[in-house]
C-alpha atoms as a PDB file:
ATOM      1  CA  UNK A   1      -0.024  -0.026   0.007  1.00  0.00           C
ATOM      2  CA  UNK A   2       2.824   2.334   0.793  1.00  0.00           C
ATOM      3  CA  UNK A   3       4.705   1.769  -2.401  1.00  0.00           C
ATOM      4  CA  UNK A   4       1.419   2.195  -4.387  1.00  0.00           C
ATOM      5  CA  UNK A   5       0.873   5.564  -2.605  1.00  0.00           C
ATOM      6  CA  UNK A   6       4.337   6.669  -3.318  1.00  0.00           C
ATOM      7  CA  UNK A   7       4.313   5.776  -7.010  1.00  0.00           C
ATOM      8  CA  UNK A   8       1.054   7.540  -7.441  1.00  0.00           C
ATOM      9  CA  UNK A   9       1.639  10.501  -5.178  1.00  0.00           C
ATOM     10  CA  UNK A  10      -1.553   9.737  -3.162  1.00  0.00           C
ATOM     11  CA  UNK A  11      -2.680   9.170   0.349  1.00  0.00           C
ATOM     12  CA  UNK A  12      -3.440   5.564   1.369  1.00  0.00           C
ATOM     13  CA  UNK A  13      -4.395   3.764   4.500  1.00  0.00           C
ATOM     14  CA  UNK A  14      -2.723   0.424   4.978  1.00  0.00           C
ATOM     15  CA  UNK A  15      -5.395  -1.907   6.732  1.00  0.00           C
ATOM     16  CA  UNK A  16      -2.618  -4.623   7.566  1.00  0.00           C
ATOM     17  CA  UNK A  17      -0.262  -2.396   9.594  1.00  0.00           C
ATOM     18  CA  UNK A  18      -2.879   0.434  10.550  1.00  0.00           C
ATOM     19  CA  UNK A  19      -0.729   3.169   9.123  1.00  0.00           C
ATOM     20  CA  UNK A  20      -1.461   6.061   6.726  1.00  0.00           C
ATOM     21  CA  UNK A  21       1.056   7.031   4.119  1.00  0.00           C
ATOM     22  CA  UNK A  22       0.594  10.478   2.537  1.00  0.00           C
ATOM     23  CA  UNK A  23       2.623  11.261  -0.673  1.00  0.00           C
ATOM     24  CA  UNK A  24       0.270  14.035  -1.938  1.00  0.00           C
ATOM     25  CA  UNK A  25       3.270  16.617  -1.612  1.00  0.00           C
ATOM     26  CA  UNK A  26       5.443  14.500  -3.895  1.00  0.00           C
ATOM     27  CA  UNK A  27       6.422  16.129  -7.147  1.00  0.00           C
ATOM     28  CA  UNK A  28       7.456  14.782 -10.598  1.00  0.00           C
ATOM     29  CA  UNK A  29       4.492  12.537 -10.987  1.00  0.00           C
ATOM     30  CA  UNK A  30       3.098  13.287 -14.570  1.00  0.00           C
ATOM     31  CA  UNK A  31       0.691  10.540 -15.118  1.00  0.00           C
ATOM     32  CA  UNK A  32      -1.035   7.591 -13.354  1.00  0.00           C
ATOM     33  CA  UNK A  33      -3.359   4.985 -14.731  1.00  0.00           C
ATOM     34  CA  UNK A  34      -4.796   1.781 -13.810  1.00  0.00           C
ATOM     35  CA  UNK A  35      -5.397  -1.302 -15.915  1.00  0.00           C
ATOM     36  CA  UNK A  36      -8.007  -3.945 -15.268  1.00  0.00           C
ATOM     37  CA  UNK A  37      -9.364  -6.754 -17.404  1.00  0.00           C
ATOM     38  CA  UNK A  38     -13.008  -6.583 -18.627  1.00  0.00           C
ATOM     39  CA  UNK A  39     -15.373  -7.790 -15.827  1.00  0.00           C
ATOM     40  CA  UNK A  40     -13.044  -6.735 -12.985  1.00  0.00           C
ATOM     41  CA  UNK A  41     -14.628  -6.358  -9.650  1.00  0.00           C
ATOM     42  CA  UNK A  42     -15.436  -2.469  -9.396  1.00  0.00           C
ATOM     43  CA  UNK A  43     -14.023  -2.240  -5.997  1.00  0.00           C
ATOM     44  CA  UNK A  44     -10.665  -3.409  -7.180  1.00  0.00           C
ATOM     45  CA  UNK A  45     -10.618  -0.296  -9.465  1.00  0.00           C
ATOM     46  CA  UNK A  46      -9.819   1.684  -6.420  1.00  0.00           C
ATOM     47  CA  UNK A  47      -6.039   1.539  -5.474  1.00  0.00           C
ATOM     48  CA  UNK A  48      -6.845   1.587  -1.837  1.00  0.00           C
ATOM     49  CA  UNK A  49      -8.998  -1.452  -1.961  1.00  0.00           C
ATOM     50  CA  UNK A  50      -6.686  -3.206  -4.490  1.00  0.00           C
ATOM     51  CA  UNK A  51      -3.445  -2.948  -2.507  1.00  0.00           C
ATOM     52  CA  UNK A  52      -5.173  -3.681   0.934  1.00  0.00           C
ATOM     53  CA  UNK A  53      -6.673  -6.927  -0.675  1.00  0.00           C
ATOM     54  CA  UNK A  54      -3.273  -7.796  -2.274  1.00  0.00           C
ATOM     55  CA  UNK A  55      -1.487  -7.517   1.039  1.00  0.00           C
ATOM     56  CA  UNK A  56      -4.284  -9.457   2.858  1.00  0.00           C
ATOM     57  CA  UNK A  57      -3.857 -12.260   0.327  1.00  0.00           C
ATOM     58  CA  UNK A  58      -0.120 -12.651   1.267  1.00  0.00           C
ATOM     59  CA  UNK A  59      -0.740 -13.148   5.008  1.00  0.00           C
ATOM     60  CA  UNK A  60      -1.045 -16.446   6.984  1.00  0.00           C
ATOM     61  CA  UNK A  61      -3.983 -16.875   9.400  1.00  0.00           C
ATOM     62  CA  UNK A  62      -1.705 -15.697  12.345  1.00  0.00           C
ATOM     63  CA  UNK A  63      -1.033 -12.451  10.635  1.00  0.00           C
ATOM     64  CA  UNK A  64       2.589 -13.137   9.535  1.00  0.00           C
ATOM     65  CA  UNK A  65       3.715 -12.818   6.042  1.00  0.00           C
ATOM     66  CA  UNK A  66       3.837 -16.123   3.956  1.00  0.00           C
ATOM     67  CA  UNK A  67       7.425 -17.051   3.128  1.00  0.00           C
ATOM     68  CA  UNK A  68       6.534 -17.198  -0.698  1.00  0.00           C
ATOM     69  CA  UNK A  69       4.714 -13.734  -0.681  1.00  0.00           C
ATOM     70  CA  UNK A  70       5.394 -11.557  -3.635  1.00  0.00           C
ATOM     71  CA  UNK A  71       2.999  -8.672  -3.613  1.00  0.00           C
ATOM     72  CA  UNK A  72       3.997  -6.934  -6.830  1.00  0.00           C
ATOM     73  CA  UNK A  73       6.672  -6.422  -9.456  1.00  0.00           C
ATOM     74  CA  UNK A  74       7.459  -3.104 -10.987  1.00  0.00           C
END
């Protein structure tokens, strides 16, 4: 969530760690865009929801991160 906020120059709340990351003052971001396949869930078109769900998918039931976790690649 923090990396996505940084890349887009936005403010995001991380549900996993309970932290807010605010990069709205960051300069140099010229363009942002999201791509999604046809039929994608509308709630996943929101970066906040998308990255929080991605992080949740990489957690074990006890809340620790899976050893094979790989949230995203640039």
